[in-house]
Amino acid sequence: MSNPEHEPGTASLLSVGDWVAPVADGPLEATVTLPGSKSLTNRYLVLSALACERSRLRAPLRSRDTLLMAEALRHLGVGIDDIPTETDQGPDAVADWLVTPPARLSGDTTIDCGLAGTVMRFLPAVAVLADGPVRFDGDPQARVRPMGTLVEALRRLGGSIEDGGTGHLPLTVHGTGRIPGGDVMMDASASSQFISALLLAGARYDAGVTVRHTGEPVPSEPHILMTVETLRDTGVVVDDSEPNTWRVEPSEVNGLDVVVEPDLSNAAPFLAAALVAGGSVHVPGWPQHTTQAGDMMREILDGMGGDVRLDRPGLTVAGSGELVGIDIDLHDAAELTPTVAALAALASTPSRIRGVAHIRGHETDRLAALSTELNALGGHVVETEDGLRITPAPLHGGRFHSYHDHRMATAGAIIGLRVPGVSVQDIGTTSKTLPDFVGLWDRMLGPRR
């Protein structure tokens, strides 16, 4: 397992900073309003930084990942300022962002990527356009996430990058204000973010960029479609008519004025709670059409016994407290794996999750982490070559380690709805993509009886 924090199966004692997951003491009847999508917010920020005019991002997500992206772009000379919303949304309203692109991106700076894959993958492709060296580093866990595919692709397109031959952070991009661009082949089977990175910046390359994927199918392909659609929103011409090939024409990037959709993947644990505890959970503003991979939760929850209804006000999921297992390929929505694994561990019949071998390279090795933590609570989880097999077994309380991974932490919270005595280590890691997860969770559960 990458970056383990403990030996598997060890201490279940409550430690300072652990969060005792509350048990649901009755059916839910909750409305949970989620902040904006991390994936969309960070794509909009990158494109706004490269645009030829100002942009306004309405209701952007403000989480660790998006704040790291905003601060990184400020280091490159981009102006990102808070401006009040134009409609009264109450005291909890999130200010919009006004993004002012510079005439020329600044170099001679250092960017902290934290553990944000979008920052460490998207911005080196932007930094080649800066007027000097840009150094990238991040959390210790970020230094084991693969970067070599992107580094080599940028070199073939004319960029100069030093990574010490490791294919990992830290690295330095030697920006010269321009890059030739052109045609590049890459194996992006480890992460769709490698392709998105080149597409997002490619319109500003001298010859644009054509990316040809070779190798196993690209994981999380909806994220590439999201990138293509956001590019088209700015007027950039993208040709994705040929399988595994994306062509971005060189052009100006127009400014944006967009409302950021709610983050559907962050909604997943809250909707899952309806199946575990019974009752219903409503998420307002769920889009009728979206490129977010989290929309697959509708299919998943329906298959596990939920009553799923999408209408104009939003998405409502109802459950009886009884759920069944599922056999599902999550290759295109792998970020949902921890939520689905937690549900499967509480189901009455076996489950199999397939197509997610690549999440061994996410914030942590999620397959190893899930099998270790669920088994430590009495579960019966077996790693397969590309996923997990989960057989129902009686669970008991204990410490659920998060591995600095926000989705691991929320998986522990789901288990704790039904299993007394589950404590989640470092619940604060959820701030990576969802500020105040604990507050939202507590409000969903309502007053304790």
Protein backbone atom coordinates (compact mmCIF):
# COMPACT_ATOMS: atom_id res chain seq x y z
CA MET A 1 0.00 0.00 0.00
CA SER A 2 1.37 3.42 -0.84
CA ASN A 3 2.03 5.62 2.14
CA PRO A 4 0.66 3.36 4.91
CA GLU A 5 0.12 5.01 8.28
CA HIS A 6 -0.05 1.89 10.36
CA GLU A 7 0.39 -1.84 10.23
CA PRO A 8 -2.78 -3.55 8.95
CA GLY A 9 -5.05 -4.78 11.69
CA THR A 10 -3.41 -2.80 14.50
CA ALA A 11 -4.72 -0.41 17.13
CA SER A 12 -8.41 0.39 17.24
CA LEU A 13 -8.00 2.69 20.24
CA LEU A 14 -9.41 6.21 19.97
CA SER A 15 -6.60 8.72 19.44
CA VAL A 16 -6.53 12.46 19.88
CA GLY A 17 -8.22 14.05 16.89
CA ASP A 18 -10.29 11.00 15.98
CA TRP A 19 -13.95 11.59 15.16
CA VAL A 20 -16.53 9.19 16.54
CA ALA A 21 -18.89 8.54 13.65
CA PRO A 22 -22.50 9.04 14.79
CA VAL A 23 -24.92 6.14 14.50
CA ALA A 24 -28.22 6.88 12.80
CA ASP A 25 -30.93 6.37 15.40
CA GLY A 26 -33.83 6.43 12.96
CA PRO A 27 -34.82 7.05 9.34
CA LEU A 28 -33.55 10.24 7.77
CA GLU A 29 -35.55 13.10 6.31
CA ALA A 30 -32.91 15.53 5.17
CA THR A 31 -32.00 18.05 2.51
CA VAL A 32 -28.27 18.43 1.97
CA THR A 33 -27.05 21.39 -0.07
CA LEU A 34 -23.60 20.69 -1.50
CA PRO A 35 -21.01 23.25 -2.61
CA GLY A 36 -19.66 23.39 -6.15
CA SER A 37 -17.75 20.73 -8.05
CA LYS A 38 -14.01 20.56 -7.40
CA SER A 39 -13.33 19.19 -10.87
CA LEU A 40 -15.26 21.96 -12.60
CA THR A 41 -13.98 24.74 -10.33
CA ASN A 42 -10.34 23.87 -11.02
CA ARG A 43 -10.87 23.48 -14.76
CA TYR A 44 -12.62 26.85 -14.90
CA LEU A 45 -9.79 28.44 -12.92
CA VAL A 46 -7.13 27.13 -15.31
CA LEU A 47 -9.01 28.24 -18.42
CA SER A 48 -9.76 31.65 -16.88
CA ALA A 49 -6.04 32.10 -16.17
CA LEU A 50 -5.25 31.47 -19.85
CA ALA A 51 -8.09 33.59 -21.23
CA CYS A 52 -7.86 36.86 -23.13
CA GLU A 53 -10.33 38.60 -20.80
CA ARG A 54 -11.72 38.46 -17.29
CA SER A 55 -13.93 35.61 -16.09
CA ARG A 56 -16.50 35.28 -13.34
CA LEU A 57 -16.92 31.96 -11.56
CA ARG A 58 -20.18 31.86 -9.62
CA ALA A 59 -20.58 29.65 -6.52
CA PRO A 60 -17.11 28.07 -6.87
CA LEU A 61 -16.02 25.39 -4.45
CA ARG A 62 -13.69 26.64 -1.73
CA SER A 63 -11.86 23.61 -0.42
CA ARG A 64 -8.22 22.74 0.07
CA ASP A 65 -7.82 21.57 -3.55
CA THR A 66 -9.44 24.63 -5.12
CA LEU A 67 -7.73 27.09 -2.77
CA LEU A 68 -4.39 25.47 -3.65
CA MET A 69 -5.23 25.91 -7.34
CA ALA A 70 -6.20 29.56 -6.86
CA GLU A 71 -3.06 30.32 -4.87
CA ALA A 72 -0.88 28.54 -7.42
CA LEU A 73 -2.34 30.64 -10.22
CA ARG A 74 -1.78 33.80 -8.17
CA HIS A 75 1.89 32.80 -7.99
CA LEU A 76 1.85 32.75 -11.80
CA GLY A 77 0.54 36.31 -11.86
CA VAL A 78 -3.20 35.66 -12.19
CA GLY A 79 -5.58 37.94 -10.32
CA ILE A 80 -8.27 36.04 -8.39
CA ASP A 81 -10.52 38.24 -6.28
CA ASP A 82 -13.66 37.69 -4.23
CA ILE A 83 -16.74 39.58 -5.36
CA PRO A 84 -20.21 39.44 -3.79
CA THR A 85 -22.86 37.28 -5.37
CA GLU A 86 -25.50 39.12 -7.38
CA THR A 87 -28.36 37.29 -5.69
CA ASP A 88 -29.13 37.08 -1.99
CA GLN A 89 -28.29 33.53 -0.89
CA GLY A 90 -28.15 34.19 2.83
CA PRO A 91 -25.23 34.38 5.26
CA ASP A 92 -23.67 31.13 3.97
CA ALA A 93 -23.47 32.30 0.36
CA VAL A 94 -20.09 31.75 -1.30
CA ALA A 95 -18.59 34.83 -2.95
CA ASP A 96 -17.89 34.58 -6.65
CA TRP A 97 -14.36 34.66 -8.05
CA LEU A 98 -13.31 37.31 -10.54
CA VAL A 99 -10.30 35.98 -12.47
CA THR A 100 -8.02 38.43 -14.29
CA PRO A 101 -5.43 36.81 -16.57
CA PRO A 102 -2.01 38.48 -16.84
CA ALA A 103 -0.50 39.63 -20.11
CA ARG A 104 2.24 37.07 -19.47
CA LEU A 105 2.42 34.32 -16.85
CA SER A 106 5.12 34.90 -14.23
CA GLY A 107 7.90 32.44 -13.52
CA ASP A 108 10.58 32.24 -10.84
CA THR A 109 8.09 30.92 -8.29
CA THR A 110 7.24 27.80 -6.30
CA ILE A 111 3.85 26.11 -6.31
CA ASP A 112 2.51 24.02 -3.43
CA CYS A 113 0.36 21.24 -4.91
CA GLY A 114 -0.68 19.81 -1.55
CA LEU A 115 -2.26 16.48 -2.46
CA ALA A 116 -4.33 17.91 -5.32
CA GLY A 117 -3.98 15.86 -8.48
CA THR A 118 -5.49 18.65 -10.58
CA VAL A 119 -2.84 21.12 -9.37
CA MET A 120 0.15 18.82 -9.80
CA ARG A 121 -1.02 17.54 -13.21
CA PHE A 122 -2.75 20.56 -14.80
CA LEU A 123 -0.33 23.35 -13.91
CA PRO A 124 2.98 22.02 -15.31
CA ALA A 125 1.26 22.14 -18.72
CA VAL A 126 0.45 25.80 -17.99
CA ALA A 127 3.84 26.64 -16.47
CA VAL A 128 5.66 25.99 -19.76
CA LEU A 129 4.04 29.29 -20.86
CA ALA A 130 5.52 31.24 -17.91
CA ASP A 131 8.53 33.54 -18.27
CA GLY A 132 10.85 31.60 -15.97
CA PRO A 133 11.27 28.50 -13.80
CA VAL A 134 8.29 27.20 -11.85
CA ARG A 135 9.00 24.70 -9.07
CA PHE A 136 6.35 22.16 -8.02
CA ASP A 137 6.18 20.20 -4.79
CA GLY A 138 3.47 19.01 -2.42
CA ASP A 139 2.58 16.83 0.54
CA PRO A 140 4.73 13.75 1.18
CA GLN A 141 1.93 11.59 -0.26
CA ALA A 142 1.98 13.65 -3.47
CA ARG A 143 5.58 12.63 -4.11
CA VAL A 144 4.51 9.05 -4.86
CA ARG A 145 1.75 9.92 -7.33
CA PRO A 146 2.78 9.28 -10.95
CA MET A 147 3.85 12.27 -13.05
CA GLY A 148 6.28 10.73 -15.55
CA THR A 149 3.75 10.36 -18.38
CA LEU A 150 2.95 14.07 -18.34
CA VAL A 151 6.59 15.12 -17.95
CA GLU A 152 7.66 13.10 -20.99
CA ALA A 153 4.74 14.37 -23.06
CA LEU A 154 5.61 18.00 -22.29
CA ARG A 155 9.22 17.36 -23.25
CA ARG A 156 8.16 15.91 -26.59
CA LEU A 157 6.03 19.00 -27.19
CA GLY A 158 9.05 21.24 -26.61
CA GLY A 159 8.99 21.91 -22.88
CA SER A 160 11.94 21.73 -20.48
CA ILE A 161 11.24 19.92 -17.18
CA GLU A 162 13.64 18.67 -14.51
CA ASP A 163 12.38 15.85 -12.30
CA GLY A 164 15.64 14.11 -11.42
CA GLY A 165 14.56 11.15 -13.54
CA THR A 166 11.99 10.09 -10.93
CA GLY A 167 8.73 10.78 -12.73
CA HIS A 168 7.43 12.29 -9.49
CA LEU A 169 7.37 15.56 -7.56
CA PRO A 170 9.36 17.66 -6.88
CA LEU A 171 10.01 18.99 -10.35
CA THR A 172 10.85 22.26 -12.07
CA VAL A 173 9.31 23.53 -15.30
CA HIS A 174 11.59 25.95 -17.13
CA GLY A 175 9.07 28.24 -18.77
CA THR A 176 10.09 30.33 -21.77
CA GLY A 177 6.78 32.04 -22.48
CA ARG A 178 5.89 29.67 -25.29
CA ILE A 179 6.01 26.03 -26.35
CA PRO A 180 5.84 24.57 -29.90
CA GLY A 181 3.13 22.02 -29.12
CA GLY A 182 1.96 19.64 -31.82
CA ASP A 183 1.30 15.91 -31.85
CA VAL A 184 2.10 13.66 -28.91
CA MET A 185 1.41 10.02 -28.03
CA MET A 186 1.02 8.99 -24.38
CA ASP A 187 -0.19 6.11 -22.27
CA ALA A 188 -2.67 7.79 -19.93
CA SER A 189 -4.01 4.56 -18.44
CA ALA A 190 -2.77 5.67 -15.01
CA SER A 191 -4.79 8.91 -14.99
CA SER A 192 -7.10 10.83 -17.31
CA GLN A 193 -5.64 14.00 -15.77
CA PHE A 194 -2.57 13.67 -18.02
CA ILE A 195 -4.78 14.15 -21.08
CA SER A 196 -6.87 16.91 -19.51
CA ALA A 197 -3.72 18.82 -18.57
CA LEU A 198 -2.54 19.05 -22.18
CA LEU A 199 -6.00 19.83 -23.53
CA LEU A 200 -6.62 22.66 -21.05
CA ALA A 201 -3.40 24.48 -21.96
CA GLY A 202 -3.10 23.32 -25.57
CA ALA A 203 -4.91 26.22 -27.25
CA ARG A 204 -2.09 28.49 -26.08
CA TYR A 205 0.64 26.29 -27.60
CA ASP A 206 2.05 27.52 -30.93
CA ALA A 207 0.63 24.60 -32.92
CA GLY A 208 -2.09 23.61 -30.48
CA VAL A 209 -1.93 20.02 -29.34
CA THR A 210 -3.06 16.63 -30.54
CA VAL A 211 -3.04 13.93 -27.87
CA ARG A 212 -3.15 10.29 -28.93
CA HIS A 213 -3.70 7.78 -26.14
CA THR A 214 -2.03 4.37 -26.39
CA GLY A 215 -2.44 1.50 -23.96
CA GLU A 216 -5.25 0.28 -21.76
CA PRO A 217 -8.54 2.22 -21.73
CA VAL A 218 -8.29 5.64 -20.11
CA PRO A 219 -9.79 5.65 -16.60
CA SER A 220 -12.46 8.15 -15.58
CA GLU A 221 -13.12 9.15 -19.18
CA PRO A 222 -16.08 11.38 -18.17
CA HIS A 223 -13.47 13.74 -16.74
CA ILE A 224 -11.97 14.13 -20.21
CA LEU A 225 -15.42 14.86 -21.62
CA MET A 226 -15.79 17.46 -18.86
CA THR A 227 -12.51 19.04 -19.99
CA VAL A 228 -13.64 19.09 -23.62
CA GLU A 229 -16.96 20.72 -22.74
CA THR A 230 -15.34 23.41 -20.57
CA LEU A 231 -12.91 24.17 -23.41
CA ARG A 232 -15.81 24.56 -25.83
CA ASP A 233 -17.46 26.92 -23.33
CA THR A 234 -14.47 29.24 -23.87
CA GLY A 235 -14.69 29.03 -27.66
CA VAL A 236 -11.75 26.67 -28.10
CA VAL A 237 -12.13 24.23 -31.00
CA VAL A 238 -11.73 20.61 -29.89
CA ASP A 239 -12.01 17.60 -32.17
CA ASP A 240 -12.67 14.39 -30.26
CA SER A 241 -14.35 12.52 -33.12
CA GLU A 242 -11.60 9.89 -33.39
CA PRO A 243 -11.37 7.33 -30.55
CA ASN A 244 -8.48 7.94 -28.14
CA THR A 245 -7.47 11.13 -29.97
CA TRP A 246 -8.11 14.74 -29.00
CA ARG A 247 -7.13 17.75 -31.11
CA VAL A 248 -7.12 21.30 -29.69
CA GLU A 249 -6.69 24.08 -32.24
CA PRO A 250 -4.39 26.99 -31.34
CA SER A 251 -6.54 30.00 -30.49
CA GLU A 252 -7.43 32.59 -27.92
CA VAL A 253 -9.35 31.40 -24.87
CA ASN A 254 -12.47 33.46 -24.18
CA GLY A 255 -13.50 34.47 -20.68
CA LEU A 256 -16.20 32.64 -18.76
CA ASP A 257 -19.27 33.61 -16.78
CA VAL A 258 -20.46 30.32 -15.29
CA VAL A 259 -22.26 28.86 -12.29
CA VAL A 260 -20.39 25.87 -10.89
CA GLU A 261 -22.56 22.75 -10.54
CA PRO A 262 -22.82 21.02 -7.13
CA ASP A 263 -20.15 18.36 -6.61
CA LEU A 264 -21.96 15.08 -7.32
CA SER A 265 -19.16 12.84 -6.02
CA ASN A 266 -19.21 14.70 -2.72
CA ALA A 267 -22.95 14.06 -2.58
CA ALA A 268 -22.35 10.30 -2.74
CA PRO A 269 -21.91 9.55 1.00
CA PHE A 270 -24.97 11.63 1.92
CA LEU A 271 -27.17 9.86 -0.61
CA ALA A 272 -25.72 6.52 0.50
CA ALA A 273 -26.86 7.34 4.04
CA ALA A 274 -30.49 7.00 2.93
CA LEU A 275 -29.90 3.34 2.09
CA VAL A 276 -28.01 2.63 5.32
CA ALA A 277 -30.28 4.45 7.76
CA GLY A 278 -33.55 4.38 5.83
CA GLY A 279 -35.67 7.42 5.06
CA SER A 280 -34.74 9.95 2.41
CA VAL A 281 -32.02 12.43 1.48
CA HIS A 282 -32.59 15.20 -1.05
CA VAL A 283 -29.77 17.07 -2.86
CA PRO A 284 -31.11 20.22 -4.53
CA GLY A 285 -29.72 21.49 -7.81
CA TRP A 286 -28.73 18.10 -9.21
CA PRO A 287 -28.21 18.77 -12.94
CA GLN A 288 -30.43 17.08 -15.52
CA HIS A 289 -27.40 16.67 -17.79
CA THR A 290 -23.80 16.62 -16.61
CA THR A 291 -20.32 15.32 -17.38
CA GLN A 292 -19.60 14.67 -13.68
CA ALA A 293 -18.75 11.05 -12.96
CA GLY A 294 -20.63 11.30 -9.66
CA ASP A 295 -23.92 11.16 -11.57
CA MET A 296 -23.37 7.39 -11.71
CA MET A 297 -24.55 7.27 -8.07
CA ARG A 298 -28.10 7.25 -9.38
CA GLU A 299 -27.51 3.90 -11.11
CA ILE A 300 -25.54 2.51 -8.17
CA LEU A 301 -28.08 3.35 -5.50
CA ASP A 302 -30.94 2.09 -7.62
CA GLY A 303 -29.08 -1.21 -8.08
CA MET A 304 -28.47 -1.55 -4.33
CA GLY A 305 -32.12 -1.17 -3.37
CA GLY A 306 -32.75 2.56 -3.26
CA ASP A 307 -35.66 4.51 -4.69
CA VAL A 308 -34.00 7.19 -6.84
CA ARG A 309 -35.91 10.16 -8.23
CA LEU A 310 -34.47 13.03 -10.28
CA ASP A 311 -36.77 15.97 -10.98
CA ARG A 312 -36.49 19.69 -11.46
CA PRO A 313 -35.81 20.48 -7.76
CA GLY A 314 -33.00 17.93 -7.52
CA LEU A 315 -32.23 14.31 -6.64
CA THR A 316 -33.99 12.39 -3.88
CA VAL A 317 -32.91 8.94 -2.69
CA ALA A 318 -35.06 6.88 -0.33
CA GLY A 319 -34.24 3.60 1.36
CA SER A 320 -35.59 1.10 3.85
CA GLY A 321 -32.35 0.45 5.70
CA GLU A 322 -31.92 -2.81 3.79
CA LEU A 323 -29.54 -2.92 0.85
CA VAL A 324 -28.28 -5.57 -1.51
CA GLY A 325 -24.89 -6.13 -3.09
CA ILE A 326 -23.90 -5.08 -6.58
CA ASP A 327 -21.57 -6.22 -9.36
CA ILE A 328 -20.38 -3.07 -11.08
CA ASP A 329 -17.61 -1.69 -13.27
CA LEU A 330 -16.55 1.69 -11.86
CA HIS A 331 -13.78 2.35 -14.38
CA ASP A 332 -15.38 5.64 -15.43
CA ALA A 333 -16.36 6.70 -11.90
CA ALA A 334 -13.59 5.23 -9.76
CA GLU A 335 -13.78 8.08 -7.23
CA LEU A 336 -17.05 6.47 -6.03
CA THR A 337 -15.30 3.23 -5.04
CA PRO A 338 -14.90 4.00 -1.31
CA THR A 339 -18.59 4.89 -1.00
CA VAL A 340 -19.70 1.79 -2.89
CA ALA A 341 -17.33 -0.43 -0.88
CA ALA A 342 -18.75 0.92 2.39
CA LEU A 343 -22.30 0.23 1.21
CA ALA A 344 -21.29 -3.25 0.03
CA ALA A 345 -19.82 -4.05 3.44
CA LEU A 346 -23.27 -3.36 4.94
CA ALA A 347 -25.28 -5.18 2.25
CA SER A 348 -27.04 -8.51 2.63
CA THR A 349 -25.52 -10.13 -0.48
CA PRO A 350 -22.00 -10.18 -1.99
CA SER A 351 -20.62 -7.41 -4.20
CA ARG A 352 -17.87 -7.05 -6.74
CA ILE A 353 -16.27 -3.76 -7.81
CA ARG A 354 -14.35 -3.98 -11.10
CA GLY A 355 -12.29 -1.78 -13.42
CA VAL A 356 -10.57 0.35 -10.76
CA ALA A 357 -6.98 -0.93 -10.64
CA HIS A 358 -5.79 2.64 -11.30
CA ILE A 359 -6.99 3.90 -7.90
CA ARG A 360 -3.97 2.22 -6.37
CA GLY A 361 -2.25 5.45 -7.48
CA HIS A 362 -4.75 7.92 -6.01
CA GLU A 363 -4.32 9.82 -2.73
CA THR A 364 -3.42 6.43 -1.31
CA ASP A 365 -3.67 2.87 -2.62
CA ARG A 366 -7.43 2.89 -2.17
CA LEU A 367 -7.93 -0.82 -2.85
CA ALA A 368 -5.42 -1.86 -0.21
CA ALA A 369 -6.70 0.77 2.21
CA LEU A 370 -10.34 -0.27 1.84
CA SER A 371 -9.63 -3.97 2.24
CA THR A 372 -7.41 -3.31 5.28
CA GLU A 373 -9.82 -1.02 7.07
CA LEU A 374 -13.03 -2.94 6.36
CA ASN A 375 -11.41 -6.23 7.33
CA ALA A 376 -10.13 -4.67 10.56
CA LEU A 377 -13.78 -4.01 11.46
CA GLY A 378 -14.72 -7.64 10.81
CA GLY A 379 -15.45 -7.40 7.10
CA HIS A 380 -14.60 -9.94 4.41
CA VAL A 381 -12.96 -7.99 1.59
CA VAL A 382 -10.54 -9.45 -0.96
CA GLU A 383 -8.47 -7.43 -3.41
CA THR A 384 -8.66 -8.58 -7.02
CA GLU A 385 -6.49 -7.55 -9.94
CA ASP A 386 -8.78 -4.64 -10.77
CA GLY A 387 -11.02 -4.16 -7.76
CA LEU A 388 -12.61 -5.72 -4.71
CA ARG A 389 -14.82 -8.69 -3.76
CA ILE A 390 -16.91 -7.96 -0.69
CA THR A 391 -18.83 -10.67 1.17
CA PRO A 392 -21.27 -9.72 3.95
CA ALA A 393 -19.90 -10.25 7.46
CA PRO A 394 -20.83 -8.86 10.91
CA LEU A 395 -18.95 -5.63 11.55
CA HIS A 396 -17.79 -4.20 14.87
CA GLY A 397 -16.43 -0.86 16.03
CA GLY A 398 -12.83 0.22 15.76
CA ARG A 399 -10.53 2.85 14.32
CA PHE A 400 -10.94 3.55 10.60
CA HIS A 401 -7.76 5.08 9.15
CA SER A 402 -8.14 7.74 6.45
CA TYR A 403 -4.60 7.70 4.95
CA HIS A 404 -4.96 11.46 4.35
CA ASP A 405 -7.64 10.50 1.80
CA HIS A 406 -10.93 12.39 1.92
CA ARG A 407 -12.95 9.58 0.35
CA MET A 408 -11.59 7.02 2.81
CA ALA A 409 -12.73 9.27 5.66
CA THR A 410 -16.27 9.54 4.29
CA ALA A 411 -16.39 5.76 3.80
CA GLY A 412 -15.73 5.39 7.52
CA ALA A 413 -18.59 7.78 8.27
CA ILE A 414 -20.98 5.61 6.21
CA ILE A 415 -19.99 2.46 8.13
CA GLY A 416 -20.47 4.34 11.40
CA LEU A 417 -24.11 5.07 10.59
CA ARG A 418 -24.92 1.45 11.39
CA VAL A 419 -21.93 0.13 13.38
CA PRO A 420 -21.46 1.64 16.86
CA GLY A 421 -17.98 2.58 17.98
CA VAL A 422 -16.39 3.46 14.64
CA SER A 423 -13.88 6.30 14.96
CA VAL A 424 -12.46 7.95 11.86
CA GLN A 425 -8.84 9.06 12.01
CA ASP A 426 -8.24 12.57 10.60
CA ILE A 427 -11.78 13.42 9.53
CA GLY A 428 -10.38 16.87 8.71
CA THR A 429 -8.91 15.47 5.50
CA THR A 430 -12.42 15.80 4.02
CA SER A 431 -11.70 19.54 3.64
CA LYS A 432 -9.69 18.58 0.56
CA THR A 433 -12.90 18.77 -1.46
CA LEU A 434 -15.71 19.38 1.05
CA PRO A 435 -15.50 22.08 3.72
CA ASP A 436 -17.41 21.31 6.93
CA PHE A 437 -18.20 17.69 6.13
CA VAL A 438 -18.86 17.01 9.82
CA GLY A 439 -21.32 19.87 10.09
CA LEU A 440 -23.22 18.72 7.00
CA TRP A 441 -23.25 15.13 8.28
CA ASP A 442 -24.57 16.17 11.69
CA ARG A 443 -27.30 18.34 10.17
CA MET A 444 -28.33 15.47 7.89
CA LEU A 445 -28.78 13.19 10.90
CA GLY A 446 -30.70 15.83 12.85
CA PRO A 447 -31.13 16.02 16.64
CA ARG A 448 -30.14 12.86 18.48
CA ARG A 449 -32.97 11.09 20.29
